[in-house]
Amino acid sequence: SMSQRSLDLLRPTIRKPGSELWFT
């Protein structure tokens, strides 16, 4: 259900070294 707008906001925000993005 995640929109393209939300993905585009989230991905560069989680930027801490070693940070991860998990999706189910």
PDB file of all heavy atoms in Angstrom:
ATOM      1  N   SER A   1       0.811  -1.218   0.000  1.00  0.00           N
ATOM      2  CA  SER A   1       0.000   0.000   0.000  1.00  0.00           C
ATOM      3  C   SER A   1       0.845   1.267   0.000  1.00  0.00           C
ATOM      4  O   SER A   1       0.291   2.374  -0.072  1.00  0.00           O
ATOM      5  CB  SER A   1      -0.919   0.012   1.232  1.00  0.00           C
ATOM      6  OG  SER A   1      -1.780  -1.111   1.241  1.00  0.00           O
ATOM      7  N   MET A   2       2.154   1.134   0.086  1.00  0.00           N
ATOM      8  CA  MET A   2       3.030   2.302   0.151  1.00  0.00           C
ATOM      9  C   MET A   2       3.063   3.032  -1.197  1.00  0.00           C
ATOM     10  O   MET A   2       3.313   2.424  -2.231  1.00  0.00           O
ATOM     11  CB  MET A   2       4.437   1.870   0.546  1.00  0.00           C
ATOM     12  CG  MET A   2       5.426   3.004   0.769  1.00  0.00           C
ATOM     13  SD  MET A   2       5.080   4.001   2.226  1.00  0.00           S
ATOM     14  CE  MET A   2       5.299   2.829   3.553  1.00  0.00           C
ATOM     15  N   SER A   3       2.814   4.322  -1.176  1.00  0.00           N
ATOM     16  CA  SER A   3       2.814   5.114  -2.407  1.00  0.00           C
ATOM     17  C   SER A   3       4.244   5.430  -2.837  1.00  0.00           C
ATOM     18  O   SER A   3       5.186   5.346  -2.037  1.00  0.00           O
ATOM     19  CB  SER A   3       2.038   6.413  -2.196  1.00  0.00           C
ATOM     20  OG  SER A   3       2.736   7.258  -1.285  1.00  0.00           O
ATOM     21  N   GLN A   4       4.387   5.820  -4.097  1.00  0.00           N
ATOM     22  CA  GLN A   4       5.709   6.203  -4.585  1.00  0.00           C
ATOM     23  C   GLN A   4       6.211   7.428  -3.850  1.00  0.00           C
ATOM     24  O   GLN A   4       7.406   7.531  -3.529  1.00  0.00           O
ATOM     25  CB  GLN A   4       5.647   6.480  -6.092  1.00  0.00           C
ATOM     26  CG  GLN A   4       7.013   6.697  -6.731  1.00  0.00           C
ATOM     27  CD  GLN A   4       7.881   5.457  -6.659  1.00  0.00           C
ATOM     28  OE1 GLN A   4       7.485   4.384  -7.099  1.00  0.00           O
ATOM     29  NE2 GLN A   4       9.068   5.577  -6.062  1.00  0.00           N
ATOM     30  N   ARG A   5       5.315   8.348  -3.551  1.00  0.00           N
ATOM     31  CA  ARG A   5       5.704   9.553  -2.814  1.00  0.00           C
ATOM     32  C   ARG A   5       6.295   9.180  -1.459  1.00  0.00           C
ATOM     33  O   ARG A   5       7.339   9.706  -1.055  1.00  0.00           O
ATOM     34  CB  ARG A   5       4.493  10.461  -2.615  1.00  0.00           C
ATOM     35  CG  ARG A   5       4.732  11.629  -1.649  1.00  0.00           C
ATOM     36  CD  ARG A   5       3.442  12.343  -1.306  1.00  0.00           C
ATOM     37  NE  ARG A   5       3.653  13.342  -0.264  1.00  0.00           N
ATOM     38  CZ  ARG A   5       3.659  13.086   1.033  1.00  0.00           C
ATOM     39  NH1 ARG A   5       3.486  11.834   1.458  1.00  0.00           N
ATOM     40  NH2 ARG A   5       3.843  14.068   1.910  1.00  0.00           N
ATOM     41  N   SER A   6       5.638   8.256  -0.751  1.00  0.00           N
ATOM     42  CA  SER A   6       6.107   7.869   0.578  1.00  0.00           C
ATOM     43  C   SER A   6       7.455   7.153   0.506  1.00  0.00           C
ATOM     44  O   SER A   6       8.336   7.384   1.342  1.00  0.00           O
ATOM     45  CB  SER A   6       5.074   6.966   1.255  1.00  0.00           C
ATOM     46  OG  SER A   6       3.875   7.675   1.505  1.00  0.00           O
ATOM     47  N   LEU A   7       7.623   6.284  -0.485  1.00  0.00           N
ATOM     48  CA  LEU A   7       8.913   5.617  -0.655  1.00  0.00           C
ATOM     49  C   LEU A   7      10.019   6.622  -0.929  1.00  0.00           C
ATOM     50  O   LEU A   7      11.129   6.526  -0.391  1.00  0.00           O
ATOM     51  CB  LEU A   7       8.842   4.595  -1.787  1.00  0.00           C
ATOM     52  CG  LEU A   7       8.395   3.174  -1.453  1.00  0.00           C
ATOM     53  CD1 LEU A   7       8.401   2.317  -2.711  1.00  0.00           C
ATOM     54  CD2 LEU A   7       9.278   2.545  -0.393  1.00  0.00           C
ATOM     55  N   ASP A   8       9.714   7.592  -1.778  1.00  0.00           N
ATOM     56  CA  ASP A   8      10.712   8.603  -2.123  1.00  0.00           C
ATOM     57  C   ASP A   8      11.079   9.471  -0.916  1.00  0.00           C
ATOM     58  O   ASP A   8      12.211   9.972  -0.832  1.00  0.00           O
ATOM     59  CB  ASP A   8      10.187   9.491  -3.260  1.00  0.00           C
ATOM     60  CG  ASP A   8      10.088   8.742  -4.580  1.00  0.00           C
ATOM     61  OD1 ASP A   8      10.714   7.673  -4.700  1.00  0.00           O
ATOM     62  OD2 ASP A   8       9.377   9.225  -5.479  1.00  0.00           O
ATOM     63  N   LEU A   9      10.147   9.654   0.008  1.00  0.00           N
ATOM     64  CA  LEU A   9      10.453  10.395   1.237  1.00  0.00           C
ATOM     65  C   LEU A   9      11.261   9.547   2.218  1.00  0.00           C
ATOM     66  O   LEU A   9      12.213  10.023   2.845  1.00  0.00           O
ATOM     67  CB  LEU A   9       9.156  10.853   1.917  1.00  0.00           C
ATOM     68  CG  LEU A   9       8.407  12.045   1.323  1.00  0.00           C
ATOM     69  CD1 LEU A   9       7.093  12.252   2.066  1.00  0.00           C
ATOM     70  CD2 LEU A   9       9.253  13.319   1.415  1.00  0.00           C
ATOM     71  N   LEU A  10      10.884   8.278   2.351  1.00  0.00           N
ATOM     72  CA  LEU A  10      11.461   7.434   3.395  1.00  0.00           C
ATOM     73  C   LEU A  10      12.892   7.008   3.093  1.00  0.00           C
ATOM     74  O   LEU A  10      13.758   7.038   3.981  1.00  0.00           O
ATOM     75  CB  LEU A  10      10.578   6.197   3.590  1.00  0.00           C
ATOM     76  CG  LEU A  10      11.006   5.226   4.693  1.00  0.00           C
ATOM     77  CD1 LEU A  10      10.898   5.897   6.062  1.00  0.00           C
ATOM     78  CD2 LEU A  10      10.156   3.955   4.650  1.00  0.00           C
ATOM     79  N   ARG A  11      13.144   6.576   1.866  1.00  0.00           N
ATOM     80  CA  ARG A  11      14.442   5.958   1.560  1.00  0.00           C
ATOM     81  C   ARG A  11      15.636   6.866   1.883  1.00  0.00           C
ATOM     82  O   ARG A  11      16.580   6.432   2.546  1.00  0.00           O
ATOM     83  CB  ARG A  11      14.475   5.510   0.104  1.00  0.00           C
ATOM     84  CG  ARG A  11      13.572   4.317  -0.188  1.00  0.00           C
ATOM     85  CD  ARG A  11      13.490   4.053  -1.672  1.00  0.00           C
ATOM     86  NE  ARG A  11      14.808   3.793  -2.238  1.00  0.00           N
ATOM     87  CZ  ARG A  11      15.108   3.977  -3.526  1.00  0.00           C
ATOM     88  NH1 ARG A  11      14.200   4.451  -4.359  1.00  0.00           N
ATOM     89  NH2 ARG A  11      16.321   3.707  -3.967  1.00  0.00           N
ATOM     90  N   PRO A  12      15.660   8.113   1.431  1.00  0.00           N
ATOM     91  CA  PRO A  12      16.822   8.948   1.760  1.00  0.00           C
ATOM     92  C   PRO A  12      16.824   9.461   3.199  1.00  0.00           C
ATOM     93  O   PRO A  12      17.848   9.951   3.678  1.00  0.00           O
ATOM     94  CB  PRO A  12      16.702  10.114   0.771  1.00  0.00           C
ATOM     95  CG  PRO A  12      15.257  10.205   0.451  1.00  0.00           C
ATOM     96  CD  PRO A  12      14.732   8.805   0.506  1.00  0.00           C
ATOM     97  N   THR A  13      15.682   9.328   3.896  1.00  0.00           N
ATOM     98  CA  THR A  13      15.622   9.792   5.283  1.00  0.00           C
ATOM     99  C   THR A  13      16.341   8.829   6.214  1.00  0.00           C
ATOM    100  O   THR A  13      17.019   9.251   7.166  1.00  0.00           O
ATOM    101  CB  THR A  13      14.154   9.962   5.715  1.00  0.00           C
ATOM    102  OG1 THR A  13      13.524  10.936   4.877  1.00  0.00           O
ATOM    103  CG2 THR A  13      14.067  10.403   7.169  1.00  0.00           C
ATOM    104  N   ILE A  14      16.197   7.542   5.969  1.00  0.00           N
ATOM    105  CA  ILE A  14      16.884   6.534   6.793  1.00  0.00           C
ATOM    106  C   ILE A  14      18.315   6.446   6.263  1.00  0.00           C
ATOM    107  O   ILE A  14      18.629   5.635   5.390  1.00  0.00           O
ATOM    108  CB  ILE A  14      16.158   5.182   6.722  1.00  0.00           C
ATOM    109  CG1 ILE A  14      14.664   5.355   7.032  1.00  0.00           C
ATOM    110  CG2 ILE A  14      16.789   4.187   7.683  1.00  0.00           C
ATOM    111  CD1 ILE A  14      14.375   5.968   8.387  1.00  0.00           C
ATOM    112  N   ARG A  15      19.166   7.322   6.796  1.00  0.00           N
ATOM    113  CA  ARG A  15      20.493   7.538   6.203  1.00  0.00           C
ATOM    114  C   ARG A  15      21.659   7.278   7.159  1.00  0.00           C
ATOM    115  O   ARG A  15      22.819   7.423   6.785  1.00  0.00           O
ATOM    116  CB  ARG A  15      20.595   8.979   5.717  1.00  0.00           C
ATOM    117  CG  ARG A  15      20.489  10.007   6.845  1.00  0.00           C
ATOM    118  CD  ARG A  15      20.631  11.434   6.344  1.00  0.00           C
ATOM    119  NE  ARG A  15      19.474  11.843   5.559  1.00  0.00           N
ATOM    120  CZ  ARG A  15      19.333  13.074   5.050  1.00  0.00           C
ATOM    121  NH1 ARG A  15      20.288  13.977   5.240  1.00  0.00           N
ATOM    122  NH2 ARG A  15      18.249  13.384   4.366  1.00  0.00           N
ATOM    123  N   LYS A  16      21.366   6.888   8.387  1.00  0.00           N
ATOM    124  CA  LYS A  16      22.428   6.620   9.349  1.00  0.00           C
ATOM    125  C   LYS A  16      23.333   5.500   8.830  1.00  0.00           C
ATOM    126  O   LYS A  16      22.842   4.531   8.239  1.00  0.00           O
ATOM    127  CB  LYS A  16      21.804   6.227  10.686  1.00  0.00           C
ATOM    128  CG  LYS A  16      22.795   6.022  11.825  1.00  0.00           C
ATOM    129  CD  LYS A  16      22.049   5.688  13.118  1.00  0.00           C
ATOM    130  CE  LYS A  16      23.014   5.436  14.262  1.00  0.00           C
ATOM    131  NZ  LYS A  16      22.290   5.100  15.520  1.00  0.00           N
ATOM    132  N   PRO A  17      24.644   5.587   9.001  1.00  0.00           N
ATOM    133  CA  PRO A  17      25.527   4.502   8.545  1.00  0.00           C
ATOM    134  C   PRO A  17      25.091   3.150   9.100  1.00  0.00           C
ATOM    135  O   PRO A  17      24.863   3.009  10.304  1.00  0.00           O
ATOM    136  CB  PRO A  17      26.898   4.912   9.079  1.00  0.00           C
ATOM    137  CG  PRO A  17      26.836   6.406   9.177  1.00  0.00           C
ATOM    138  CD  PRO A  17      25.416   6.716   9.574  1.00  0.00           C
ATOM    139  N   GLY A  18      24.953   2.173   8.220  1.00  0.00           N
ATOM    140  CA  GLY A  18      24.521   0.842   8.631  1.00  0.00           C
ATOM    141  C   GLY A  18      23.024   0.688   8.808  1.00  0.00           C
ATOM    142  O   GLY A  18      22.560  -0.390   9.201  1.00  0.00           O
ATOM    143  N   SER A  19      22.269   1.743   8.527  1.00  0.00           N
ATOM    144  CA  SER A  19      20.816   1.663   8.703  1.00  0.00           C
ATOM    145  C   SER A  19      20.196   0.751   7.648  1.00  0.00           C
ATOM    146  O   SER A  19      20.759   0.522   6.575  1.00  0.00           O
ATOM    147  CB  SER A  19      20.189   3.055   8.634  1.00  0.00           C
ATOM    148  OG  SER A  19      20.471   3.672   7.389  1.00  0.00           O
ATOM    149  N   GLU A  20      19.011   0.229   7.966  1.00  0.00           N
ATOM    150  CA  GLU A  20      18.357  -0.744   7.094  1.00  0.00           C
ATOM    151  C   GLU A  20      16.886  -0.380   6.891  1.00  0.00           C
ATOM    152  O   GLU A  20      16.243   0.219   7.759  1.00  0.00           O
ATOM    153  CB  GLU A  20      18.454  -2.156   7.683  1.00  0.00           C
ATOM    154  CG  GLU A  20      19.888  -2.650   7.811  1.00  0.00           C
ATOM    155  CD  GLU A  20      19.980  -4.086   8.313  1.00  0.00           C
ATOM    156  OE1 GLU A  20      18.945  -4.623   8.783  1.00  0.00           O
ATOM    157  OE2 GLU A  20      21.067  -4.672   8.226  1.00  0.00           O
ATOM    158  N   LEU A  21      16.363  -0.808   5.744  1.00  0.00           N
ATOM    159  CA  LEU A  21      14.954  -0.661   5.403  1.00  0.00           C
ATOM    160  C   LEU A  21      14.358  -2.057   5.232  1.00  0.00           C
ATOM    161  O   LEU A  21      14.817  -2.829   4.384  1.00  0.00           O
ATOM    162  CB  LEU A  21      14.793   0.150   4.119  1.00  0.00           C
ATOM    163  CG  LEU A  21      15.172   1.633   4.217  1.00  0.00           C
ATOM    164  CD1 LEU A  21      15.580   2.177   2.867  1.00  0.00           C
ATOM    165  CD2 LEU A  21      13.995   2.428   4.768  1.00  0.00           C
ATOM    166  N   TRP A  22      13.353  -2.383   6.032  1.00  0.00           N
ATOM    167  CA  TRP A  22      12.719  -3.697   5.985  1.00  0.00           C
ATOM    168  C   TRP A  22      11.305  -3.553   5.425  1.00  0.00           C
ATOM    169  O   TRP A  22      10.573  -2.612   5.763  1.00  0.00           O
ATOM    170  CB  TRP A  22      12.622  -4.311   7.378  1.00  0.00           C
ATOM    171  CG  TRP A  22      13.956  -4.540   8.055  1.00  0.00           C
ATOM    172  CD1 TRP A  22      15.200  -4.336   7.539  1.00  0.00           C
ATOM    173  CD2 TRP A  22      14.151  -5.026   9.390  1.00  0.00           C
ATOM    174  NE1 TRP A  22      16.166  -4.663   8.456  1.00  0.00           N
ATOM    175  CE2 TRP A  22      15.551  -5.091   9.605  1.00  0.00           C
ATOM    176  CE3 TRP A  22      13.293  -5.419  10.410  1.00  0.00           C
ATOM    177  CZ2 TRP A  22      16.099  -5.522  10.805  1.00  0.00           C
ATOM    178  CZ3 TRP A  22      13.829  -5.851  11.612  1.00  0.00           C
ATOM    179  CH2 TRP A  22      15.228  -5.905  11.808  1.00  0.00           C
ATOM    180  N   PHE A  23      10.906  -4.502   4.584  1.00  0.00           N
ATOM    181  CA  PHE A  23       9.589  -4.461   3.959  1.00  0.00           C
ATOM    182  C   PHE A  23       8.925  -5.840   4.076  1.00  0.00           C
ATOM    183  O   PHE A  23       9.554  -6.857   3.805  1.00  0.00           O
ATOM    184  CB  PHE A  23       9.693  -4.101   2.477  1.00  0.00           C
ATOM    185  CG  PHE A  23      10.312  -2.760   2.197  1.00  0.00           C
ATOM    186  CD1 PHE A  23      11.699  -2.612   2.151  1.00  0.00           C
ATOM    187  CD2 PHE A  23       9.518  -1.647   1.965  1.00  0.00           C
ATOM    188  CE1 PHE A  23      12.275  -1.373   1.890  1.00  0.00           C
ATOM    189  CE2 PHE A  23      10.088  -0.403   1.698  1.00  0.00           C
ATOM    190  CZ  PHE A  23      11.465  -0.270   1.671  1.00  0.00           C
ATOM    191  N   THR A  24       7.667  -5.854   4.470  1.00  0.00           N
ATOM    192  CA  THR A  24       6.860  -7.069   4.409  1.00  0.00           C
ATOM    193  C   THR A  24       5.566  -6.723   3.693  1.00  0.00           C
ATOM    194  O   THR A  24       4.966  -5.676   3.953  1.00  0.00           O
ATOM    195  CB  THR A  24       6.546  -7.625   5.812  1.00  0.00           C
ATOM    196  OG1 THR A  24       5.985  -6.588   6.639  1.00  0.00           O
ATOM    197  CG2 THR A  24       7.792  -8.178   6.474  1.00  0.00           C
TER     198      THR A  24
END
